Amino acid sequence: VVITTNYDDVLRWASPRDVEVVANDQPEELELLRGATPDWPWIWHLHGTIQRLGTLILAGADYRRLYGEDREHRSERYERAVFELHHTLATRPFLYIGFSLSDPYVLQQIADVLKLTKGKSAPSYALMKKGQGNRAALWSNYNIQLVEYEDHGRPLASLLEQIAEKAFPSEA
């Protein structure tokens, strides 16, 4: 499962032809994410997709409808999205790529899940250019281990290749 906060289709272009795509307001499809495998890949547009403009989360009021402080302030339309996000954060390690981890709404979701699981969820990892992340804060507040790289381009591509070889040794 690839979860993106981007609205565009770039990840679709780089994915296998048979990738399933789901937006933040599709409860039945969101439930199917749990069955995702390398043979059945999914892209989840957490903040909506340009293909369906009504799903876009663009500003404060939109964020409050999606994440809301509690069920009373959250739109019913997004209940399943928040539920599945919490479930996924609690049960799977994440690899954050191209995400600055500075979005207060997303960080609050991570913190909420850590509080509920008493920090017992698997650690996640953030791939960031050297100097752009706060290692101590990410680890202590969000259970995220920072993995830094020197520069975009070949060093980053090499690091991603190494990660792919470790994660999928038979497909490397």
N, C-alpha and C. Protein backbone atom coordinates (compact mmCIF):
# COMPACT_ATOMS: atom_id res chain seq x y z
N VAL A 1 0.85 -1.18 0.00
CA VAL A 1 0.00 0.00 0.00
C VAL A 1 0.89 1.24 0.00
N VAL A 2 0.62 2.13 -0.90
CA VAL A 2 1.27 3.43 -0.91
C VAL A 2 0.20 4.43 -0.51
N ILE A 3 0.49 5.18 0.55
CA ILE A 3 -0.43 6.23 0.99
C ILE A 3 0.21 7.55 0.63
N THR A 4 -0.52 8.38 -0.08
CA THR A 4 0.02 9.66 -0.50
C THR A 4 -0.91 10.79 -0.08
N THR A 5 -0.31 11.93 0.23
CA THR A 5 -1.10 13.13 0.49
C THR A 5 -1.12 14.01 -0.76
N ASN A 6 -0.46 13.56 -1.82
CA ASN A 6 -0.48 14.30 -3.08
C ASN A 6 -1.78 13.99 -3.83
N TYR A 7 -2.21 14.97 -4.61
CA TYR A 7 -3.46 14.84 -5.36
C TYR A 7 -3.23 14.32 -6.78
N ASP A 8 -2.02 14.45 -7.27
CA ASP A 8 -1.75 14.18 -8.68
C ASP A 8 -1.65 12.68 -8.99
N ASP A 9 -1.42 12.38 -10.25
CA ASP A 9 -1.39 10.99 -10.73
C ASP A 9 0.02 10.43 -10.89
N VAL A 10 1.04 11.12 -10.41
CA VAL A 10 2.42 10.69 -10.63
C VAL A 10 2.66 9.26 -10.16
N LEU A 11 2.15 8.90 -8.98
CA LEU A 11 2.35 7.54 -8.48
C LEU A 11 1.65 6.50 -9.35
N ARG A 12 0.55 6.87 -9.94
CA ARG A 12 -0.14 5.94 -10.86
C ARG A 12 0.72 5.67 -12.08
N TRP A 13 1.37 6.71 -12.59
CA TRP A 13 2.19 6.57 -13.79
C TRP A 13 3.37 5.63 -13.52
N ALA A 14 3.88 5.64 -12.28
CA ALA A 14 5.05 4.83 -11.94
C ALA A 14 4.68 3.45 -11.40
N SER A 15 3.41 3.15 -11.32
CA SER A 15 2.94 1.90 -10.73
C SER A 15 2.60 0.87 -11.78
N PRO A 16 2.44 -0.38 -11.34
CA PRO A 16 1.96 -1.40 -12.29
C PRO A 16 0.60 -1.00 -12.84
N ARG A 17 0.30 -1.48 -14.01
CA ARG A 17 -0.97 -1.14 -14.66
C ARG A 17 -2.18 -1.51 -13.82
N ASP A 18 -2.08 -2.59 -13.07
CA ASP A 18 -3.23 -3.08 -12.32
C ASP A 18 -3.32 -2.54 -10.91
N VAL A 19 -2.67 -1.43 -10.62
CA VAL A 19 -2.74 -0.85 -9.29
C VAL A 19 -4.16 -0.35 -9.02
N GLU A 20 -4.65 -0.63 -7.82
CA GLU A 20 -5.96 -0.13 -7.40
C GLU A 20 -5.77 1.25 -6.80
N VAL A 21 -6.68 2.15 -7.05
CA VAL A 21 -6.59 3.51 -6.52
C VAL A 21 -7.84 3.79 -5.70
N VAL A 22 -7.63 4.39 -4.53
CA VAL A 22 -8.75 4.69 -3.65
C VAL A 22 -8.58 6.10 -3.11
N ALA A 23 -9.70 6.79 -2.94
CA ALA A 23 -9.70 8.14 -2.36
C ALA A 23 -10.19 8.05 -0.92
N ASN A 24 -10.21 9.17 -0.27
CA ASN A 24 -10.53 9.25 1.16
C ASN A 24 -12.01 9.08 1.50
N ASP A 25 -12.87 9.02 0.51
CA ASP A 25 -14.32 8.94 0.79
C ASP A 25 -14.94 7.66 0.23
N GLN A 26 -14.14 6.61 0.08
CA GLN A 26 -14.64 5.35 -0.48
C GLN A 26 -14.53 4.25 0.58
N PRO A 27 -15.51 4.15 1.47
CA PRO A 27 -15.39 3.24 2.62
C PRO A 27 -15.20 1.78 2.26
N GLU A 28 -15.91 1.28 1.26
CA GLU A 28 -15.78 -0.14 0.92
C GLU A 28 -14.39 -0.43 0.37
N GLU A 29 -13.89 0.44 -0.49
CA GLU A 29 -12.57 0.25 -1.07
C GLU A 29 -11.49 0.39 0.00
N LEU A 30 -11.65 1.34 0.91
CA LEU A 30 -10.67 1.54 1.99
C LEU A 30 -10.56 0.29 2.86
N GLU A 31 -11.66 -0.38 3.06
CA GLU A 31 -11.63 -1.61 3.86
C GLU A 31 -10.80 -2.69 3.16
N LEU A 32 -10.79 -2.68 1.84
CA LEU A 32 -10.04 -3.68 1.07
C LEU A 32 -8.52 -3.47 1.15
N LEU A 33 -8.08 -2.30 1.58
CA LEU A 33 -6.65 -2.02 1.68
C LEU A 33 -5.93 -3.06 2.52
N ARG A 34 -6.61 -3.62 3.49
CA ARG A 34 -5.97 -4.59 4.38
C ARG A 34 -5.53 -5.84 3.62
N GLY A 35 -6.11 -6.09 2.48
CA GLY A 35 -5.74 -7.26 1.69
C GLY A 35 -4.66 -6.97 0.65
N ALA A 36 -4.13 -5.76 0.65
CA ALA A 36 -3.13 -5.39 -0.34
C ALA A 36 -1.89 -6.26 -0.21
N THR A 37 -1.33 -6.63 -1.35
CA THR A 37 -0.09 -7.41 -1.41
C THR A 37 0.74 -6.87 -2.57
N PRO A 38 1.99 -7.30 -2.69
CA PRO A 38 2.76 -6.88 -3.88
C PRO A 38 2.08 -7.30 -5.19
N ASP A 39 1.30 -8.37 -5.13
CA ASP A 39 0.57 -8.81 -6.33
C ASP A 39 -0.76 -8.07 -6.51
N TRP A 40 -1.20 -7.39 -5.47
CA TRP A 40 -2.45 -6.62 -5.51
C TRP A 40 -2.18 -5.25 -4.89
N PRO A 41 -1.44 -4.38 -5.60
CA PRO A 41 -1.01 -3.10 -5.04
C PRO A 41 -2.12 -2.04 -5.04
N TRP A 42 -2.00 -1.14 -4.06
CA TRP A 42 -2.98 -0.06 -3.90
C TRP A 42 -2.26 1.27 -3.73
N ILE A 43 -2.88 2.32 -4.21
CA ILE A 43 -2.47 3.70 -3.92
C ILE A 43 -3.67 4.35 -3.26
N TRP A 44 -3.44 4.89 -2.08
CA TRP A 44 -4.50 5.57 -1.33
C TRP A 44 -4.19 7.06 -1.30
N HIS A 45 -5.07 7.84 -1.90
CA HIS A 45 -4.95 9.30 -1.89
C HIS A 45 -5.67 9.82 -0.64
N LEU A 46 -4.91 9.88 0.45
CA LEU A 46 -5.47 10.26 1.74
C LEU A 46 -6.09 11.66 1.71
N HIS A 47 -5.49 12.57 1.00
CA HIS A 47 -6.02 13.94 0.93
C HIS A 47 -6.75 14.21 -0.39
N GLY A 48 -7.21 13.13 -1.02
CA GLY A 48 -8.01 13.28 -2.23
C GLY A 48 -7.19 13.16 -3.49
N THR A 49 -7.91 13.10 -4.60
CA THR A 49 -7.27 12.92 -5.90
C THR A 49 -7.83 13.92 -6.91
N ILE A 50 -6.95 14.36 -7.78
CA ILE A 50 -7.33 15.30 -8.82
C ILE A 50 -8.40 14.70 -9.74
N GLN A 51 -8.49 13.39 -9.78
CA GLN A 51 -9.50 12.71 -10.59
C GLN A 51 -10.91 12.93 -10.05
N ARG A 52 -11.00 13.25 -8.75
CA ARG A 52 -12.31 13.50 -8.11
C ARG A 52 -12.15 14.72 -7.21
N LEU A 53 -12.40 15.88 -7.78
CA LEU A 53 -12.13 17.15 -7.10
C LEU A 53 -12.85 17.28 -5.76
N GLY A 54 -13.99 16.66 -5.59
CA GLY A 54 -14.74 16.74 -4.34
C GLY A 54 -14.04 16.07 -3.17
N THR A 55 -12.99 15.29 -3.43
CA THR A 55 -12.28 14.60 -2.36
C THR A 55 -11.08 15.38 -1.83
N LEU A 56 -10.74 16.49 -2.48
CA LEU A 56 -9.51 17.22 -2.13
C LEU A 56 -9.58 17.85 -0.75
N ILE A 57 -8.51 17.69 0.00
CA ILE A 57 -8.33 18.32 1.31
C ILE A 57 -7.28 19.40 1.09
N LEU A 58 -7.72 20.67 1.09
CA LEU A 58 -6.84 21.77 0.70
C LEU A 58 -6.53 22.75 1.82
N ALA A 59 -7.46 22.99 2.72
CA ALA A 59 -7.27 24.05 3.71
C ALA A 59 -7.79 23.60 5.07
N GLY A 60 -7.71 24.49 6.04
CA GLY A 60 -8.07 24.18 7.42
C GLY A 60 -9.42 23.53 7.60
N ALA A 61 -10.46 24.07 6.97
CA ALA A 61 -11.80 23.52 7.13
C ALA A 61 -11.86 22.10 6.56
N ASP A 62 -11.17 21.88 5.44
CA ASP A 62 -11.13 20.54 4.85
C ASP A 62 -10.42 19.56 5.78
N TYR A 63 -9.30 19.99 6.35
CA TYR A 63 -8.55 19.13 7.28
C TYR A 63 -9.40 18.78 8.49
N ARG A 64 -10.15 19.74 8.98
CA ARG A 64 -11.01 19.47 10.15
C ARG A 64 -12.12 18.48 9.79
N ARG A 65 -12.63 18.56 8.56
CA ARG A 65 -13.66 17.58 8.13
C ARG A 65 -13.07 16.18 8.02
N LEU A 66 -11.82 16.09 7.58
CA LEU A 66 -11.19 14.78 7.45
C LEU A 66 -10.73 14.24 8.80
N TYR A 67 -9.93 15.03 9.51
CA TYR A 67 -9.31 14.53 10.73
C TYR A 67 -10.11 14.83 11.99
N GLY A 68 -10.82 15.96 11.99
CA GLY A 68 -11.61 16.35 13.16
C GLY A 68 -11.04 15.93 14.49
N GLU A 69 -11.21 16.69 15.52
CA GLU A 69 -10.69 16.34 16.84
C GLU A 69 -11.40 15.13 17.42
N ASP A 70 -12.63 14.95 17.04
CA ASP A 70 -13.40 13.80 17.50
C ASP A 70 -14.49 13.53 16.47
N ARG A 71 -15.25 12.49 16.67
CA ARG A 71 -16.26 12.12 15.68
C ARG A 71 -17.27 13.24 15.43
N GLU A 72 -17.53 14.03 16.45
CA GLU A 72 -18.50 15.11 16.32
C GLU A 72 -18.05 16.16 15.30
N HIS A 73 -16.74 16.38 15.20
CA HIS A 73 -16.21 17.41 14.31
C HIS A 73 -15.73 16.86 12.96
N ARG A 74 -15.75 15.56 12.80
CA ARG A 74 -15.29 14.92 11.58
C ARG A 74 -16.49 14.64 10.69
N SER A 75 -16.31 14.80 9.40
CA SER A 75 -17.38 14.48 8.46
C SER A 75 -17.57 12.97 8.41
N GLU A 76 -18.81 12.55 8.42
CA GLU A 76 -19.13 11.12 8.33
C GLU A 76 -18.54 10.52 7.05
N ARG A 77 -18.43 11.35 6.05
CA ARG A 77 -17.88 10.94 4.75
C ARG A 77 -16.47 10.36 4.89
N TYR A 78 -15.72 10.81 5.92
CA TYR A 78 -14.32 10.40 6.08
C TYR A 78 -14.08 9.46 7.26
N GLU A 79 -15.12 8.97 7.89
CA GLU A 79 -14.95 8.10 9.06
C GLU A 79 -14.07 6.89 8.74
N ARG A 80 -14.35 6.21 7.64
CA ARG A 80 -13.59 5.02 7.30
C ARG A 80 -12.13 5.38 7.01
N ALA A 81 -11.88 6.51 6.38
CA ALA A 81 -10.50 6.91 6.07
C ALA A 81 -9.69 7.07 7.35
N VAL A 82 -10.24 7.75 8.33
CA VAL A 82 -9.50 7.94 9.59
C VAL A 82 -9.35 6.62 10.32
N PHE A 83 -10.39 5.81 10.31
CA PHE A 83 -10.31 4.49 10.96
C PHE A 83 -9.20 3.64 10.32
N GLU A 84 -9.17 3.58 9.00
CA GLU A 84 -8.17 2.78 8.31
C GLU A 84 -6.77 3.36 8.48
N LEU A 85 -6.66 4.68 8.51
CA LEU A 85 -5.36 5.29 8.75
C LEU A 85 -4.85 4.88 10.13
N HIS A 86 -5.69 4.99 11.14
CA HIS A 86 -5.29 4.60 12.49
C HIS A 86 -4.93 3.11 12.55
N HIS A 87 -5.73 2.27 11.92
CA HIS A 87 -5.45 0.84 11.91
C HIS A 87 -4.10 0.56 11.24
N THR A 88 -3.86 1.20 10.11
CA THR A 88 -2.62 0.98 9.38
C THR A 88 -1.42 1.49 10.17
N LEU A 89 -1.56 2.66 10.79
CA LEU A 89 -0.47 3.20 11.61
C LEU A 89 -0.16 2.28 12.80
N ALA A 90 -1.18 1.65 13.34
CA ALA A 90 -1.01 0.78 14.51
C ALA A 90 -0.44 -0.59 14.15
N THR A 91 -0.67 -1.05 12.93
CA THR A 91 -0.32 -2.44 12.61
C THR A 91 0.82 -2.62 11.62
N ARG A 92 1.23 -1.56 10.96
CA ARG A 92 2.29 -1.68 9.95
C ARG A 92 3.36 -0.62 10.15
N PRO A 93 4.59 -0.98 9.89
CA PRO A 93 5.62 0.08 9.87
C PRO A 93 5.46 0.88 8.58
N PHE A 94 5.79 2.14 8.64
CA PHE A 94 5.71 3.02 7.48
C PHE A 94 7.12 3.38 7.03
N LEU A 95 7.26 3.66 5.75
CA LEU A 95 8.46 4.28 5.21
C LEU A 95 7.98 5.57 4.57
N TYR A 96 8.33 6.70 5.20
CA TYR A 96 7.93 8.01 4.69
C TYR A 96 8.99 8.47 3.70
N ILE A 97 8.56 8.71 2.46
CA ILE A 97 9.45 9.17 1.41
C ILE A 97 8.81 10.41 0.78
N GLY A 98 9.57 11.48 0.68
CA GLY A 98 9.05 12.69 0.05
C GLY A 98 8.00 13.38 0.89
N PHE A 99 8.02 13.13 2.17
CA PHE A 99 7.04 13.72 3.09
C PHE A 99 7.83 14.36 4.23
N SER A 100 7.65 15.63 4.45
CA SER A 100 8.47 16.36 5.41
C SER A 100 8.13 16.07 6.87
N LEU A 101 7.02 15.40 7.11
CA LEU A 101 6.55 15.15 8.47
C LEU A 101 6.41 16.45 9.25
N SER A 102 5.90 17.46 8.56
CA SER A 102 5.65 18.74 9.22
C SER A 102 4.16 19.09 9.24
N ASP A 103 3.33 18.24 8.65
CA ASP A 103 1.89 18.46 8.62
C ASP A 103 1.32 18.17 10.02
N PRO A 104 0.85 19.19 10.73
CA PRO A 104 0.38 18.97 12.11
C PRO A 104 -0.80 18.01 12.21
N TYR A 105 -1.63 17.96 11.19
CA TYR A 105 -2.78 17.06 11.22
C TYR A 105 -2.34 15.60 11.13
N VAL A 106 -1.41 15.31 10.23
CA VAL A 106 -0.91 13.94 10.08
C VAL A 106 -0.11 13.55 11.33
N LEU A 107 0.73 14.45 11.81
CA LEU A 107 1.50 14.16 13.02
C LEU A 107 0.59 13.87 14.21
N GLN A 108 -0.51 14.57 14.30
CA GLN A 108 -1.45 14.31 15.40
C GLN A 108 -2.04 12.91 15.30
N GLN A 109 -2.31 12.45 14.07
CA GLN A 109 -2.84 11.09 13.90
C GLN A 109 -1.82 10.06 14.37
N ILE A 110 -0.55 10.28 14.03
CA ILE A 110 0.51 9.37 14.46
C ILE A 110 0.61 9.37 15.98
N ALA A 111 0.60 10.55 16.58
CA ALA A 111 0.68 10.66 18.04
C ALA A 111 -0.52 10.00 18.72
N ASP A 112 -1.70 10.18 18.16
CA ASP A 112 -2.91 9.56 18.73
C ASP A 112 -2.80 8.04 18.73
N VAL A 113 -2.30 7.48 17.64
CA VAL A 113 -2.16 6.02 17.55
C VAL A 113 -1.11 5.54 18.54
N LEU A 114 -0.01 6.25 18.65
CA LEU A 114 1.02 5.86 19.63
C LEU A 114 0.48 5.88 21.05
N LYS A 115 -0.36 6.87 21.33
CA LYS A 115 -0.97 6.95 22.66
C LYS A 115 -1.89 5.76 22.90
N LEU A 116 -2.70 5.42 21.90
CA LEU A 116 -3.62 4.29 22.03
C LEU A 116 -2.90 2.96 22.17
N THR A 117 -1.80 2.81 21.44
CA THR A 117 -1.06 1.54 21.46
C THR A 117 0.04 1.54 22.52
N LYS A 118 0.10 2.63 23.29
CA LYS A 118 1.13 2.79 24.33
C LYS A 118 2.53 2.61 23.74
N GLY A 119 2.72 3.10 22.52
CA GLY A 119 4.02 3.06 21.86
C GLY A 119 4.46 1.69 21.42
N LYS A 120 3.55 0.73 21.39
CA LYS A 120 3.91 -0.66 21.07
C LYS A 120 3.90 -0.95 19.56
N SER A 121 3.47 0.00 18.76
CA SER A 121 3.45 -0.26 17.32
C SER A 121 4.88 -0.31 16.79
N ALA A 122 5.05 -0.99 15.67
CA ALA A 122 6.38 -1.12 15.07
C ALA A 122 6.92 0.25 14.71
N PRO A 123 8.22 0.44 14.85
CA PRO A 123 8.78 1.74 14.45
C PRO A 123 8.64 1.94 12.95
N SER A 124 8.55 3.20 12.56
CA SER A 124 8.51 3.55 11.16
C SER A 124 9.80 4.28 10.81
N TYR A 125 9.97 4.58 9.54
CA TYR A 125 11.20 5.19 9.06
C TYR A 125 10.87 6.35 8.15
N ALA A 126 11.70 7.39 8.21
CA ALA A 126 11.53 8.56 7.34
C ALA A 126 12.82 8.76 6.57
N LEU A 127 12.72 8.77 5.28
CA LEU A 127 13.85 9.00 4.39
C LEU A 127 13.87 10.49 4.08
N MET A 128 14.91 11.19 4.56
CA MET A 128 14.99 12.64 4.37
C MET A 128 16.41 13.07 4.03
N LYS A 129 16.49 14.15 3.28
CA LYS A 129 17.78 14.74 2.97
C LYS A 129 18.43 15.21 4.27
N LYS A 130 19.71 15.02 4.36
CA LYS A 130 20.47 15.37 5.56
C LYS A 130 20.17 16.81 5.99
N GLY A 131 19.87 16.96 7.28
CA GLY A 131 19.61 18.28 7.85
C GLY A 131 18.17 18.74 7.80
N GLN A 132 17.27 17.95 7.21
CA GLN A 132 15.89 18.39 7.07
C GLN A 132 14.94 17.79 8.10
N GLY A 133 15.42 16.86 8.90
CA GLY A 133 14.56 16.24 9.91
C GLY A 133 15.18 16.33 11.29
N ASN A 134 14.34 16.30 12.29
CA ASN A 134 14.81 16.33 13.68
C ASN A 134 14.77 14.90 14.22
N ARG A 135 15.92 14.25 14.21
CA ARG A 135 16.02 12.85 14.59
C ARG A 135 15.43 12.57 15.96
N ALA A 136 15.81 13.36 16.96
CA ALA A 136 15.36 13.12 18.34
C ALA A 136 13.86 13.30 18.47
N ALA A 137 13.31 14.36 17.88
CA ALA A 137 11.87 14.62 17.99
C ALA A 137 11.05 13.56 17.26
N LEU A 138 11.49 13.17 16.08
CA LEU A 138 10.75 12.15 15.33
C LEU A 138 10.73 10.83 16.10
N TRP A 139 11.84 10.47 16.70
CA TRP A 139 11.90 9.21 17.43
C TRP A 139 11.09 9.28 18.71
N SER A 140 11.32 10.30 19.52
CA SER A 140 10.66 10.35 20.83
C SER A 140 9.17 10.66 20.75
N ASN A 141 8.76 11.46 19.79
CA ASN A 141 7.35 11.85 19.69
C ASN A 141 6.51 10.96 18.79
N TYR A 142 7.15 10.33 17.79
CA TYR A 142 6.36 9.63 16.77
C TYR A 142 6.85 8.21 16.45
N ASN A 143 7.89 7.75 17.14
CA ASN A 143 8.42 6.40 16.92
C ASN A 143 8.89 6.23 15.48
N ILE A 144 9.48 7.30 14.94
CA ILE A 144 9.97 7.29 13.56
C ILE A 144 11.48 7.45 13.57
N GLN A 145 12.17 6.49 12.97
CA GLN A 145 13.62 6.53 12.85
C GLN A 145 13.99 7.28 11.58
N LEU A 146 14.82 8.30 11.72
CA LEU A 146 15.24 9.10 10.58
C LEU A 146 16.39 8.40 9.84
N VAL A 147 16.24 8.27 8.52
CA VAL A 147 17.29 7.74 7.66
C VAL A 147 17.65 8.87 6.70
N GLU A 148 18.86 9.38 6.84
CA GLU A 148 19.25 10.54 6.04
C GLU A 148 20.09 10.13 4.84
N TYR A 149 20.01 10.93 3.80
CA TYR A 149 20.86 10.75 2.63
C TYR A 149 21.46 12.10 2.29
N GLU A 150 22.57 12.07 1.59
CA GLU A 150 23.34 13.29 1.31
C GLU A 150 22.66 14.23 0.34
N ASP A 151 22.18 13.69 -0.76
CA ASP A 151 21.67 14.56 -1.81
C ASP A 151 20.69 13.80 -2.68
N HIS A 152 19.81 14.53 -3.34
CA HIS A 152 18.91 13.92 -4.31
C HIS A 152 19.75 13.42 -5.48
N GLY A 153 19.17 12.62 -6.32
CA GLY A 153 19.92 12.10 -7.46
C GLY A 153 20.44 10.71 -7.17
N ARG A 154 21.63 10.41 -7.62
CA ARG A 154 22.18 9.06 -7.53
C ARG A 154 22.30 8.55 -6.10
N PRO A 155 22.76 9.34 -5.11
CA PRO A 155 22.82 8.80 -3.74
C PRO A 155 21.45 8.34 -3.24
N LEU A 156 20.42 9.09 -3.52
CA LEU A 156 19.07 8.71 -3.10
C LEU A 156 18.61 7.46 -3.87
N ALA A 157 18.84 7.44 -5.16
CA ALA A 157 18.45 6.28 -5.97
C ALA A 157 19.16 5.02 -5.47
N SER A 158 20.42 5.15 -5.13
CA SER A 158 21.18 4.01 -4.61
C SER A 158 20.60 3.53 -3.28
N LEU A 159 20.26 4.45 -2.41
CA LEU A 159 19.66 4.09 -1.13
C LEU A 159 18.32 3.38 -1.33
N LEU A 160 17.50 3.88 -2.24
CA LEU A 160 16.21 3.24 -2.53
C LEU A 160 16.40 1.83 -3.10
N GLU A 161 17.41 1.66 -3.93
CA GLU A 161 17.71 0.33 -4.47
C GLU A 161 18.10 -0.63 -3.35
N GLN A 162 18.91 -0.15 -2.40
CA GLN A 162 19.31 -0.98 -1.27
C GLN A 162 18.10 -1.38 -0.42
N ILE A 163 17.21 -0.43 -0.20
CA ILE A 163 15.99 -0.71 0.58
C ILE A 163 15.15 -1.76 -0.14
N ALA A 164 14.99 -1.60 -1.46
CA ALA A 164 14.19 -2.55 -2.24
C ALA A 164 14.81 -3.94 -2.19
N GLU A 165 16.12 -4.04 -2.26
CA GLU A 165 16.79 -5.35 -2.20
C GLU A 165 16.54 -6.02 -0.86
N LYS A 166 16.56 -5.25 0.23
CA LYS A 166 16.31 -5.82 1.56
C LYS A 166 14.85 -6.20 1.73
N ALA A 167 13.96 -5.37 1.22
CA ALA A 167 12.52 -5.61 1.40
C ALA A 167 12.00 -6.72 0.50
N PHE A 168 12.51 -6.77 -0.72
CA PHE A 168 12.02 -7.75 -1.70
C PHE A 168 13.21 -8.46 -2.34
N PRO A 169 13.91 -9.31 -1.60
CA PRO A 169 15.14 -9.93 -2.12
C PRO A 169 14.94 -10.75 -3.40
N SER A 170 13.84 -11.41 -3.56
CA SER A 170 13.65 -12.24 -4.75
C SER A 170 13.29 -11.43 -5.97
N GLU A 171 12.89 -10.17 -5.78
CA GLU A 171 12.49 -9.33 -6.91
C GLU A 171 13.52 -8.27 -7.27
N ALA A 172 14.61 -8.22 -6.52
CA ALA A 172 15.59 -7.13 -6.69
C ALA A 172 16.14 -7.07 -8.10
